[in-house]
Amino acid sequence: MFDPDTLNVYLIPFVIAIPIAILLLLAARRDDAAAADPAPPAAPAAPRHDGPAAILVVDDSAVARAKLRKLFETAGYAVVLANDGVQALEQLGHGRFAVMVTDLEMPNMNGIELIAAVQGKLDTEDLPIVAITGHDELQARVHDCQGLYGIFKKPWNDRELLKRIEALVSLRPARTTA
């Protein structure tokens, strides 16, 4: 009826294979978890002159910064982020950017003050600036700013914004950063 030797022939491979399969599954899950939880990002570095064109994105909204970073990095640009105008001016002191994209309503130094500060400095006066806002009254006020290369209302159209950035990147020649 039931031969113990036949049972051993079928049972031994399962006894060996099942623990190995479990170990492989656990190892794969650990690798997936590590990939899903990457190390915290390093502080943004100043852009290098020999790499892709660098874009400075200034917005107090983490969601907006993340969306803009993904959009621009996917298009091949280096992206440096700032939370407000004060951080943006600090980043501008560390390197040369092809374009700056800034929100208008931010704490510490708003976008209109940032635009005025950037345009008032000799080393950044030729920096193309694109403004993004969710407020109609700020959009009306920003029309008074000189040297603004576009105003986009939140939520912006990715394709239109990217076309504008691509055109502006070609306007500002790259220079070596110190």
N, C-alpha and C. Protein backbone atom coordinates (compact mmCIF):
# COMPACT_ATOMS: atom_id res chain seq x y z
N MET A 1 0.80 -1.19 0.00
CA MET A 1 0.00 0.00 0.00
C MET A 1 0.85 1.27 0.00
N PHE A 2 1.45 1.51 1.13
CA PHE A 2 2.22 2.74 1.25
C PHE A 2 3.68 2.38 1.48
N ASP A 3 4.55 2.67 0.53
CA ASP A 3 5.96 2.30 0.65
C ASP A 3 6.74 3.47 1.26
N PRO A 4 7.40 3.31 2.43
CA PRO A 4 8.14 4.40 3.07
C PRO A 4 9.29 4.91 2.21
N ASP A 5 9.92 4.05 1.41
CA ASP A 5 11.02 4.49 0.57
C ASP A 5 10.53 5.44 -0.53
N THR A 6 9.38 5.17 -1.08
CA THR A 6 8.79 6.03 -2.09
C THR A 6 8.43 7.39 -1.49
N LEU A 7 7.94 7.35 -0.29
CA LEU A 7 7.60 8.59 0.40
C LEU A 7 8.85 9.45 0.63
N ASN A 8 9.95 8.86 1.02
CA ASN A 8 11.21 9.57 1.23
C ASN A 8 11.73 10.19 -0.06
N VAL A 9 11.57 9.51 -1.17
CA VAL A 9 12.03 10.02 -2.46
C VAL A 9 11.31 11.34 -2.80
N TYR A 10 10.03 11.41 -2.48
CA TYR A 10 9.26 12.62 -2.77
C TYR A 10 9.37 13.67 -1.66
N LEU A 11 9.55 13.25 -0.45
CA LEU A 11 9.56 14.15 0.69
C LEU A 11 10.88 14.90 0.85
N ILE A 12 11.98 14.27 0.58
CA ILE A 12 13.30 14.89 0.77
C ILE A 12 13.45 16.17 -0.07
N PRO A 13 13.11 16.20 -1.35
CA PRO A 13 13.24 17.47 -2.10
C PRO A 13 12.40 18.59 -1.51
N PHE A 14 11.20 18.28 -1.01
CA PHE A 14 10.36 19.32 -0.40
C PHE A 14 10.98 19.84 0.88
N VAL A 15 11.54 18.97 1.68
CA VAL A 15 12.16 19.36 2.94
C VAL A 15 13.34 20.30 2.68
N ILE A 16 14.03 20.10 1.60
CA ILE A 16 15.17 20.95 1.26
C ILE A 16 14.71 22.21 0.53
N ALA A 17 13.81 22.08 -0.42
CA ALA A 17 13.42 23.20 -1.28
C ALA A 17 12.57 24.25 -0.58
N ILE A 18 11.68 23.86 0.29
CA ILE A 18 10.78 24.81 0.93
C ILE A 18 11.54 25.81 1.81
N PRO A 19 12.47 25.39 2.68
CA PRO A 19 13.22 26.39 3.46
C PRO A 19 14.05 27.33 2.57
N ILE A 20 14.61 26.80 1.50
CA ILE A 20 15.38 27.65 0.58
C ILE A 20 14.46 28.67 -0.08
N ALA A 21 13.29 28.26 -0.50
CA ALA A 21 12.34 29.17 -1.12
C ALA A 21 11.91 30.26 -0.15
N ILE A 22 11.70 29.87 1.11
CA ILE A 22 11.31 30.86 2.12
C ILE A 22 12.42 31.87 2.34
N LEU A 23 13.66 31.41 2.42
CA LEU A 23 14.80 32.32 2.58
C LEU A 23 14.92 33.28 1.40
N LEU A 24 14.72 32.76 0.20
CA LEU A 24 14.78 33.62 -0.99
C LEU A 24 13.68 34.67 -0.98
N LEU A 25 12.48 34.30 -0.58
CA LEU A 25 11.38 35.26 -0.50
C LEU A 25 11.65 36.34 0.54
N LEU A 26 12.16 35.94 1.69
CA LEU A 26 12.48 36.92 2.74
C LEU A 26 13.59 37.87 2.28
N ALA A 27 14.59 37.35 1.60
CA ALA A 27 15.67 38.20 1.10
C ALA A 27 15.15 39.18 0.06
N ALA A 28 14.24 38.73 -0.81
CA ALA A 28 13.68 39.62 -1.83
C ALA A 28 12.84 40.72 -1.18
N ARG A 29 12.07 40.38 -0.15
CA ARG A 29 11.27 41.40 0.54
C ARG A 29 12.16 42.42 1.24
N ARG A 30 13.27 41.98 1.81
CA ARG A 30 14.19 42.88 2.48
C ARG A 30 14.80 43.85 1.46
N ASP A 31 15.16 43.34 0.27
CA ASP A 31 15.69 44.20 -0.78
C ASP A 31 14.65 45.20 -1.26
N ASP A 32 13.39 44.76 -1.39
CA ASP A 32 12.32 45.68 -1.80
C ASP A 32 12.09 46.76 -0.76
N ALA A 33 12.14 46.38 0.53
CA ALA A 33 11.95 47.36 1.60
C ALA A 33 13.08 48.37 1.60
N ALA A 34 14.29 47.92 1.36
CA ALA A 34 15.43 48.84 1.32
C ALA A 34 15.32 49.79 0.14
N ALA A 35 14.84 49.29 -0.98
CA ALA A 35 14.68 50.16 -2.16
C ALA A 35 13.55 51.15 -1.95
N ALA A 36 12.50 50.76 -1.24
CA ALA A 36 11.37 51.66 -1.01
C ALA A 36 11.68 52.71 0.03
N ASP A 37 12.65 52.46 0.88
CA ASP A 37 13.01 53.41 1.94
C ASP A 37 14.47 53.82 1.77
N PRO A 38 14.76 54.64 0.76
CA PRO A 38 16.15 55.01 0.51
C PRO A 38 16.70 55.88 1.63
N ALA A 39 18.00 56.02 1.62
CA ALA A 39 18.66 56.86 2.62
C ALA A 39 18.16 58.30 2.47
N PRO A 40 18.15 59.06 3.53
CA PRO A 40 17.69 60.44 3.43
C PRO A 40 18.55 61.22 2.44
N PRO A 41 17.92 62.14 1.70
CA PRO A 41 18.68 62.86 0.68
C PRO A 41 19.74 63.75 1.31
N ALA A 42 20.84 63.84 0.62
CA ALA A 42 21.92 64.71 1.08
C ALA A 42 21.54 66.16 0.81
N ALA A 43 22.21 67.05 1.47
CA ALA A 43 21.94 68.47 1.24
C ALA A 43 22.22 68.79 -0.22
N PRO A 44 21.40 69.62 -0.85
CA PRO A 44 21.61 69.91 -2.25
C PRO A 44 22.95 70.59 -2.47
N ALA A 45 23.63 70.10 -3.46
CA ALA A 45 24.94 70.66 -3.78
C ALA A 45 24.79 71.71 -4.87
N ALA A 46 25.75 72.57 -4.94
CA ALA A 46 25.76 73.58 -5.99
C ALA A 46 25.92 72.88 -7.33
N PRO A 47 25.26 73.37 -8.36
CA PRO A 47 25.35 72.71 -9.66
C PRO A 47 26.75 72.81 -10.23
N ARG A 48 27.14 71.79 -10.98
CA ARG A 48 28.44 71.80 -11.64
C ARG A 48 28.26 72.31 -13.06
N HIS A 49 29.29 72.92 -13.58
CA HIS A 49 29.19 73.51 -14.91
C HIS A 49 29.28 72.49 -16.03
N ASP A 50 29.79 71.29 -15.76
CA ASP A 50 29.98 70.32 -16.83
C ASP A 50 28.85 69.30 -16.91
N GLY A 51 27.84 69.42 -16.08
CA GLY A 51 26.72 68.48 -16.08
C GLY A 51 25.51 69.09 -16.75
N PRO A 52 24.35 68.54 -16.47
CA PRO A 52 23.12 69.08 -17.05
C PRO A 52 22.82 70.47 -16.51
N ALA A 53 22.02 71.20 -17.25
CA ALA A 53 21.62 72.54 -16.81
C ALA A 53 20.91 72.44 -15.47
N ALA A 54 21.21 73.39 -14.59
CA ALA A 54 20.64 73.37 -13.24
C ALA A 54 19.48 74.34 -13.13
N ILE A 55 18.44 73.89 -12.45
CA ILE A 55 17.25 74.70 -12.21
C ILE A 55 17.08 74.85 -10.70
N LEU A 56 16.88 76.07 -10.26
CA LEU A 56 16.60 76.33 -8.85
C LEU A 56 15.09 76.42 -8.68
N VAL A 57 14.54 75.54 -7.86
CA VAL A 57 13.10 75.50 -7.59
C VAL A 57 12.88 76.02 -6.17
N VAL A 58 12.06 77.06 -6.05
CA VAL A 58 11.82 77.70 -4.76
C VAL A 58 10.32 77.66 -4.46
N ASP A 59 9.95 76.92 -3.42
CA ASP A 59 8.54 76.82 -3.04
C ASP A 59 8.47 76.32 -1.62
N ASP A 60 7.59 76.88 -0.82
CA ASP A 60 7.46 76.44 0.57
C ASP A 60 6.63 75.15 0.69
N SER A 61 5.99 74.74 -0.37
CA SER A 61 5.20 73.51 -0.38
C SER A 61 6.08 72.33 -0.77
N ALA A 62 6.20 71.36 0.12
CA ALA A 62 6.99 70.17 -0.16
C ALA A 62 6.40 69.39 -1.34
N VAL A 63 5.09 69.39 -1.47
CA VAL A 63 4.44 68.69 -2.57
C VAL A 63 4.79 69.35 -3.91
N ALA A 64 4.72 70.67 -3.96
CA ALA A 64 5.06 71.38 -5.20
C ALA A 64 6.53 71.18 -5.56
N ARG A 65 7.41 71.25 -4.55
CA ARG A 65 8.85 71.03 -4.82
C ARG A 65 9.08 69.63 -5.37
N ALA A 66 8.42 68.64 -4.78
CA ALA A 66 8.59 67.25 -5.24
C ALA A 66 8.09 67.07 -6.67
N LYS A 67 6.94 67.66 -6.99
CA LYS A 67 6.39 67.54 -8.34
C LYS A 67 7.30 68.22 -9.36
N LEU A 68 7.79 69.41 -9.02
CA LEU A 68 8.67 70.13 -9.94
C LEU A 68 10.01 69.41 -10.10
N ARG A 69 10.53 68.90 -9.00
CA ARG A 69 11.80 68.15 -9.08
C ARG A 69 11.65 66.96 -10.01
N LYS A 70 10.57 66.20 -9.84
CA LYS A 70 10.35 65.02 -10.68
C LYS A 70 10.21 65.42 -12.15
N LEU A 71 9.46 66.46 -12.42
CA LEU A 71 9.25 66.93 -13.78
C LEU A 71 10.57 67.31 -14.44
N PHE A 72 11.37 68.11 -13.75
CA PHE A 72 12.62 68.61 -14.33
C PHE A 72 13.71 67.55 -14.39
N GLU A 73 13.82 66.72 -13.36
CA GLU A 73 14.83 65.67 -13.39
C GLU A 73 14.52 64.64 -14.47
N THR A 74 13.25 64.34 -14.67
CA THR A 74 12.86 63.41 -15.73
C THR A 74 13.24 63.97 -17.10
N ALA A 75 13.21 65.29 -17.22
CA ALA A 75 13.59 65.94 -18.48
C ALA A 75 15.11 66.10 -18.61
N GLY A 76 15.87 65.69 -17.60
CA GLY A 76 17.32 65.70 -17.70
C GLY A 76 18.02 66.88 -17.05
N TYR A 77 17.32 67.64 -16.24
CA TYR A 77 17.94 68.79 -15.58
C TYR A 77 18.41 68.42 -14.18
N ALA A 78 19.41 69.13 -13.71
CA ALA A 78 19.80 69.04 -12.31
C ALA A 78 18.89 70.00 -11.55
N VAL A 79 18.39 69.58 -10.41
CA VAL A 79 17.43 70.40 -9.67
C VAL A 79 17.96 70.64 -8.25
N VAL A 80 17.95 71.89 -7.84
CA VAL A 80 18.29 72.27 -6.48
C VAL A 80 17.05 72.93 -5.89
N LEU A 81 16.72 72.55 -4.66
CA LEU A 81 15.49 73.02 -4.03
C LEU A 81 15.78 74.02 -2.92
N ALA A 82 14.84 74.96 -2.75
CA ALA A 82 14.88 75.91 -1.64
C ALA A 82 13.46 76.08 -1.13
N ASN A 83 13.32 76.26 0.19
CA ASN A 83 12.01 76.40 0.81
C ASN A 83 11.45 77.81 0.75
N ASP A 84 12.32 78.80 0.62
CA ASP A 84 11.87 80.19 0.60
C ASP A 84 12.95 81.06 -0.07
N GLY A 85 12.69 82.35 -0.13
CA GLY A 85 13.61 83.26 -0.79
C GLY A 85 14.97 83.35 -0.13
N VAL A 86 15.01 83.24 1.18
CA VAL A 86 16.29 83.31 1.90
C VAL A 86 17.18 82.13 1.49
N GLN A 87 16.62 80.92 1.49
CA GLN A 87 17.39 79.75 1.07
C GLN A 87 17.77 79.84 -0.40
N ALA A 88 16.90 80.41 -1.21
CA ALA A 88 17.19 80.55 -2.64
C ALA A 88 18.40 81.46 -2.85
N LEU A 89 18.46 82.58 -2.14
CA LEU A 89 19.60 83.48 -2.29
C LEU A 89 20.89 82.80 -1.84
N GLU A 90 20.80 81.97 -0.82
CA GLU A 90 21.97 81.22 -0.37
C GLU A 90 22.43 80.26 -1.47
N GLN A 91 21.50 79.54 -2.08
CA GLN A 91 21.85 78.61 -3.16
C GLN A 91 22.43 79.36 -4.37
N LEU A 92 21.89 80.51 -4.66
CA LEU A 92 22.40 81.30 -5.80
C LEU A 92 23.85 81.73 -5.56
N GLY A 93 24.25 81.84 -4.30
CA GLY A 93 25.63 82.18 -3.99
C GLY A 93 26.59 81.02 -4.17
N HIS A 94 26.06 79.80 -4.29
CA HIS A 94 26.90 78.61 -4.41
C HIS A 94 27.11 78.14 -5.85
N GLY A 95 26.35 78.64 -6.78
CA GLY A 95 26.52 78.16 -8.15
C GLY A 95 25.69 78.94 -9.14
N ARG A 96 25.82 78.54 -10.39
CA ARG A 96 25.10 79.22 -11.47
C ARG A 96 23.96 78.33 -11.94
N PHE A 97 22.81 78.93 -12.08
CA PHE A 97 21.61 78.21 -12.50
C PHE A 97 21.16 78.72 -13.86
N ALA A 98 20.56 77.83 -14.63
CA ALA A 98 20.05 78.21 -15.94
C ALA A 98 18.72 78.94 -15.82
N VAL A 99 17.90 78.53 -14.85
CA VAL A 99 16.56 79.10 -14.66
C VAL A 99 16.21 78.98 -13.17
N MET A 100 15.40 79.92 -12.70
CA MET A 100 14.83 79.82 -11.36
C MET A 100 13.31 79.80 -11.49
N VAL A 101 12.70 78.82 -10.84
CA VAL A 101 11.24 78.71 -10.79
C VAL A 101 10.84 78.98 -9.34
N THR A 102 10.03 80.01 -9.13
CA THR A 102 9.69 80.37 -7.76
C THR A 102 8.20 80.55 -7.53
N ASP A 103 7.78 80.11 -6.37
CA ASP A 103 6.44 80.40 -5.89
C ASP A 103 6.44 81.87 -5.47
N LEU A 104 5.29 82.49 -5.40
CA LEU A 104 5.23 83.89 -5.00
C LEU A 104 4.90 84.06 -3.53
N GLU A 105 4.10 83.15 -2.97
CA GLU A 105 3.70 83.29 -1.58
C GLU A 105 4.49 82.29 -0.73
N MET A 106 5.47 82.83 0.04
CA MET A 106 6.33 82.00 0.89
C MET A 106 6.67 82.78 2.15
N PRO A 107 7.04 82.07 3.20
CA PRO A 107 7.47 82.76 4.43
C PRO A 107 8.89 83.32 4.28
N ASN A 108 9.30 84.13 5.22
CA ASN A 108 10.64 84.71 5.32
C ASN A 108 10.93 85.72 4.21
N MET A 109 10.93 85.29 2.97
CA MET A 109 11.09 86.19 1.82
C MET A 109 10.21 85.64 0.72
N ASN A 110 9.19 86.42 0.34
CA ASN A 110 8.27 85.91 -0.68
C ASN A 110 8.89 86.00 -2.07
N GLY A 111 8.17 85.47 -3.05
CA GLY A 111 8.69 85.41 -4.41
C GLY A 111 8.93 86.77 -5.03
N ILE A 112 8.08 87.74 -4.76
CA ILE A 112 8.27 89.08 -5.33
C ILE A 112 9.54 89.72 -4.77
N GLU A 113 9.77 89.57 -3.47
CA GLU A 113 11.00 90.08 -2.86
C GLU A 113 12.22 89.33 -3.40
N LEU A 114 12.10 88.04 -3.60
CA LEU A 114 13.19 87.25 -4.15
C LEU A 114 13.52 87.70 -5.57
N ILE A 115 12.51 87.89 -6.38
CA ILE A 115 12.73 88.33 -7.77
C ILE A 115 13.46 89.67 -7.77
N ALA A 116 13.04 90.60 -6.93
CA ALA A 116 13.70 91.91 -6.85
C ALA A 116 15.15 91.76 -6.41
N ALA A 117 15.42 90.88 -5.44
CA ALA A 117 16.79 90.68 -4.96
C ALA A 117 17.67 90.07 -6.04
N VAL A 118 17.13 89.10 -6.77
CA VAL A 118 17.89 88.43 -7.83
C VAL A 118 18.21 89.42 -8.95
N GLN A 119 17.22 90.20 -9.33
CA GLN A 119 17.42 91.15 -10.42
C GLN A 119 18.30 92.32 -10.01
N GLY A 120 18.45 92.53 -8.70
CA GLY A 120 19.28 93.63 -8.22
C GLY A 120 20.75 93.28 -8.06
N LYS A 121 21.12 92.03 -8.26
CA LYS A 121 22.51 91.60 -8.14
C LYS A 121 23.13 91.45 -9.52
N LEU A 122 24.36 91.88 -9.64
CA LEU A 122 25.06 91.84 -10.92
C LEU A 122 25.24 90.41 -11.44
N ASP A 123 25.54 89.47 -10.55
CA ASP A 123 25.80 88.10 -10.99
C ASP A 123 24.55 87.29 -11.29
N THR A 124 23.37 87.80 -10.93
CA THR A 124 22.13 87.05 -11.20
C THR A 124 21.11 87.86 -11.99
N GLU A 125 21.46 89.07 -12.39
CA GLU A 125 20.46 89.91 -13.07
C GLU A 125 19.97 89.32 -14.39
N ASP A 126 20.76 88.44 -15.00
CA ASP A 126 20.34 87.83 -16.27
C ASP A 126 19.69 86.46 -16.09
N LEU A 127 19.42 86.06 -14.85
CA LEU A 127 18.81 84.77 -14.56
C LEU A 127 17.34 84.77 -14.98
N PRO A 128 16.96 83.92 -15.91
CA PRO A 128 15.54 83.83 -16.28
C PRO A 128 14.73 83.29 -15.09
N ILE A 129 13.60 83.94 -14.82
CA ILE A 129 12.76 83.57 -13.69
C ILE A 129 11.35 83.27 -14.18
N VAL A 130 10.81 82.17 -13.68
CA VAL A 130 9.42 81.80 -13.93
C VAL A 130 8.72 81.78 -12.58
N ALA A 131 7.58 82.44 -12.49
CA ALA A 131 6.81 82.50 -11.24
C ALA A 131 5.64 81.53 -11.30
N ILE A 132 5.35 80.96 -10.14
CA ILE A 132 4.20 80.07 -10.00
C ILE A 132 3.38 80.58 -8.82
N THR A 133 2.08 80.67 -9.01
CA THR A 133 1.23 81.16 -7.92
C THR A 133 -0.14 80.51 -7.97
N GLY A 134 -0.74 80.46 -6.81
CA GLY A 134 -2.11 79.96 -6.73
C GLY A 134 -3.10 81.07 -6.46
N HIS A 135 -2.60 82.31 -6.39
CA HIS A 135 -3.44 83.45 -6.02
C HIS A 135 -3.52 84.47 -7.16
N ASP A 136 -4.72 84.81 -7.54
CA ASP A 136 -4.93 85.76 -8.63
C ASP A 136 -4.36 87.14 -8.31
N GLU A 137 -4.50 87.60 -7.06
CA GLU A 137 -4.02 88.94 -6.74
C GLU A 137 -2.49 89.01 -6.81
N LEU A 138 -1.80 87.93 -6.46
CA LEU A 138 -0.35 87.92 -6.59
C LEU A 138 0.06 87.87 -8.06
N GLN A 139 -0.70 87.16 -8.85
CA GLN A 139 -0.42 87.09 -10.27
C GLN A 139 -0.52 88.48 -10.89
N ALA A 140 -1.48 89.27 -10.46
CA ALA A 140 -1.62 90.63 -10.97
C ALA A 140 -0.46 91.51 -10.52
N ARG A 141 0.00 91.36 -9.28
CA ARG A 141 1.11 92.16 -8.76
C ARG A 141 2.44 91.83 -9.44
N VAL A 142 2.64 90.59 -9.82
CA VAL A 142 3.92 90.17 -10.37
C VAL A 142 4.13 90.71 -11.79
N HIS A 143 3.07 91.16 -12.45
CA HIS A 143 3.22 91.74 -13.79
C HIS A 143 4.10 92.97 -13.76
N ASP A 144 4.26 93.59 -12.60
CA ASP A 144 5.12 94.76 -12.47
C ASP A 144 6.60 94.39 -12.44
N CYS A 145 6.92 93.14 -12.20
CA CYS A 145 8.32 92.71 -12.13
C CYS A 145 8.92 92.67 -13.53
N GLN A 146 10.11 93.24 -13.66
CA GLN A 146 10.82 93.19 -14.93
C GLN A 146 11.59 91.88 -15.03
N GLY A 147 11.77 91.40 -16.23
CA GLY A 147 12.60 90.22 -16.45
C GLY A 147 11.96 88.90 -16.09
N LEU A 148 10.67 88.89 -15.90
CA LEU A 148 9.97 87.65 -15.60
C LEU A 148 9.62 86.97 -16.92
N TYR A 149 9.94 85.70 -17.03
CA TYR A 149 9.77 84.98 -18.28
C TYR A 149 8.55 84.07 -18.29
N GLY A 150 7.65 84.27 -17.37
CA GLY A 150 6.43 83.48 -17.36
C GLY A 150 5.80 83.43 -15.98
N ILE A 151 4.49 83.35 -15.97
CA ILE A 151 3.72 83.20 -14.75
C ILE A 151 2.78 82.02 -14.97
N PHE A 152 2.88 81.02 -14.11
CA PHE A 152 2.03 79.85 -14.21
C PHE A 152 1.17 79.77 -12.96
N LYS A 153 -0.10 79.50 -13.18
CA LYS A 153 -1.04 79.39 -12.07
C LYS A 153 -1.09 77.93 -11.61
N LYS A 154 -1.10 77.74 -10.29
CA LYS A 154 -1.24 76.39 -9.74
C LYS A 154 -2.67 75.92 -9.93
N PRO A 155 -2.91 74.71 -10.34
CA PRO A 155 -1.94 73.73 -10.78
C PRO A 155 -1.49 74.04 -12.21
N TRP A 156 -0.22 73.96 -12.45
CA TRP A 156 0.35 74.28 -13.75
C TRP A 156 0.22 73.10 -14.70
N ASN A 157 0.36 73.39 -15.99
CA ASN A 157 0.38 72.36 -17.02
C ASN A 157 1.83 71.93 -17.21
N ASP A 158 2.14 70.69 -16.92
CA ASP A 158 3.53 70.21 -16.99
C ASP A 158 4.16 70.44 -18.35
N ARG A 159 3.43 70.13 -19.41
CA ARG A 159 3.99 70.26 -20.76
C ARG A 159 4.33 71.71 -21.08
N GLU A 160 3.43 72.63 -20.76
CA GLU A 160 3.68 74.04 -21.04
C GLU A 160 4.85 74.58 -20.21
N LEU A 161 4.90 74.21 -18.93
CA LEU A 161 5.99 74.65 -18.07
C LEU A 161 7.32 74.11 -18.57
N LEU A 162 7.36 72.85 -18.93
CA LEU A 162 8.59 72.25 -19.42
C LEU A 162 9.06 72.89 -20.72
N LYS A 163 8.13 73.20 -21.61
CA LYS A 163 8.50 73.89 -22.86
C LYS A 163 9.13 75.25 -22.56
N ARG A 164 8.56 75.97 -21.61
CA ARG A 164 9.09 77.28 -21.24
C ARG A 164 10.50 77.14 -20.64
N ILE A 165 10.68 76.17 -19.78
CA ILE A 165 11.99 75.94 -19.16
C ILE A 165 13.03 75.58 -20.22
N GLU A 166 12.67 74.70 -21.13
CA GLU A 166 13.60 74.30 -22.19
C GLU A 166 14.03 75.50 -23.02
N ALA A 167 13.09 76.38 -23.34
CA ALA A 167 13.43 77.59 -24.11
C ALA A 167 14.34 78.51 -23.30
N LEU A 168 14.08 78.66 -22.02
CA LEU A 168 14.88 79.56 -21.19
C LEU A 168 16.28 79.02 -20.93
N VAL A 169 16.41 77.72 -20.79
CA VAL A 169 17.73 77.12 -20.57
C VAL A 169 18.65 77.44 -21.73
N SER A 170 18.11 77.47 -22.92
CA SER A 170 18.94 77.76 -24.10
C SER A 170 19.35 79.23 -24.17
N LEU A 171 18.67 80.10 -23.42
CA LEU A 171 19.00 81.53 -23.45
C LEU A 171 20.21 81.91 -22.61
N ARG A 172 20.43 81.19 -21.52
CA ARG A 172 21.49 81.58 -20.59
C ARG A 172 22.69 80.68 -20.77
N PRO A 173 23.78 81.21 -21.30
CA PRO A 173 24.95 80.38 -21.53
C PRO A 173 25.56 79.91 -20.23
N ALA A 174 26.08 78.70 -20.26
CA ALA A 174 26.71 78.15 -19.05
C ALA A 174 28.07 78.80 -18.84
N ARG A 175 28.38 79.05 -17.59
CA ARG A 175 29.68 79.56 -17.19
C ARG A 175 30.21 78.65 -16.10
N THR A 176 31.50 78.63 -15.96
CA THR A 176 32.10 77.84 -14.91
C THR A 176 31.74 78.43 -13.56
N THR A 177 31.40 77.55 -12.61
CA THR A 177 31.12 78.01 -11.26
C THR A 177 32.38 77.90 -10.43
N ALA A 178 32.52 78.81 -9.50
CA ALA A 178 33.73 78.81 -8.68
C ALA A 178 33.60 77.86 -7.52
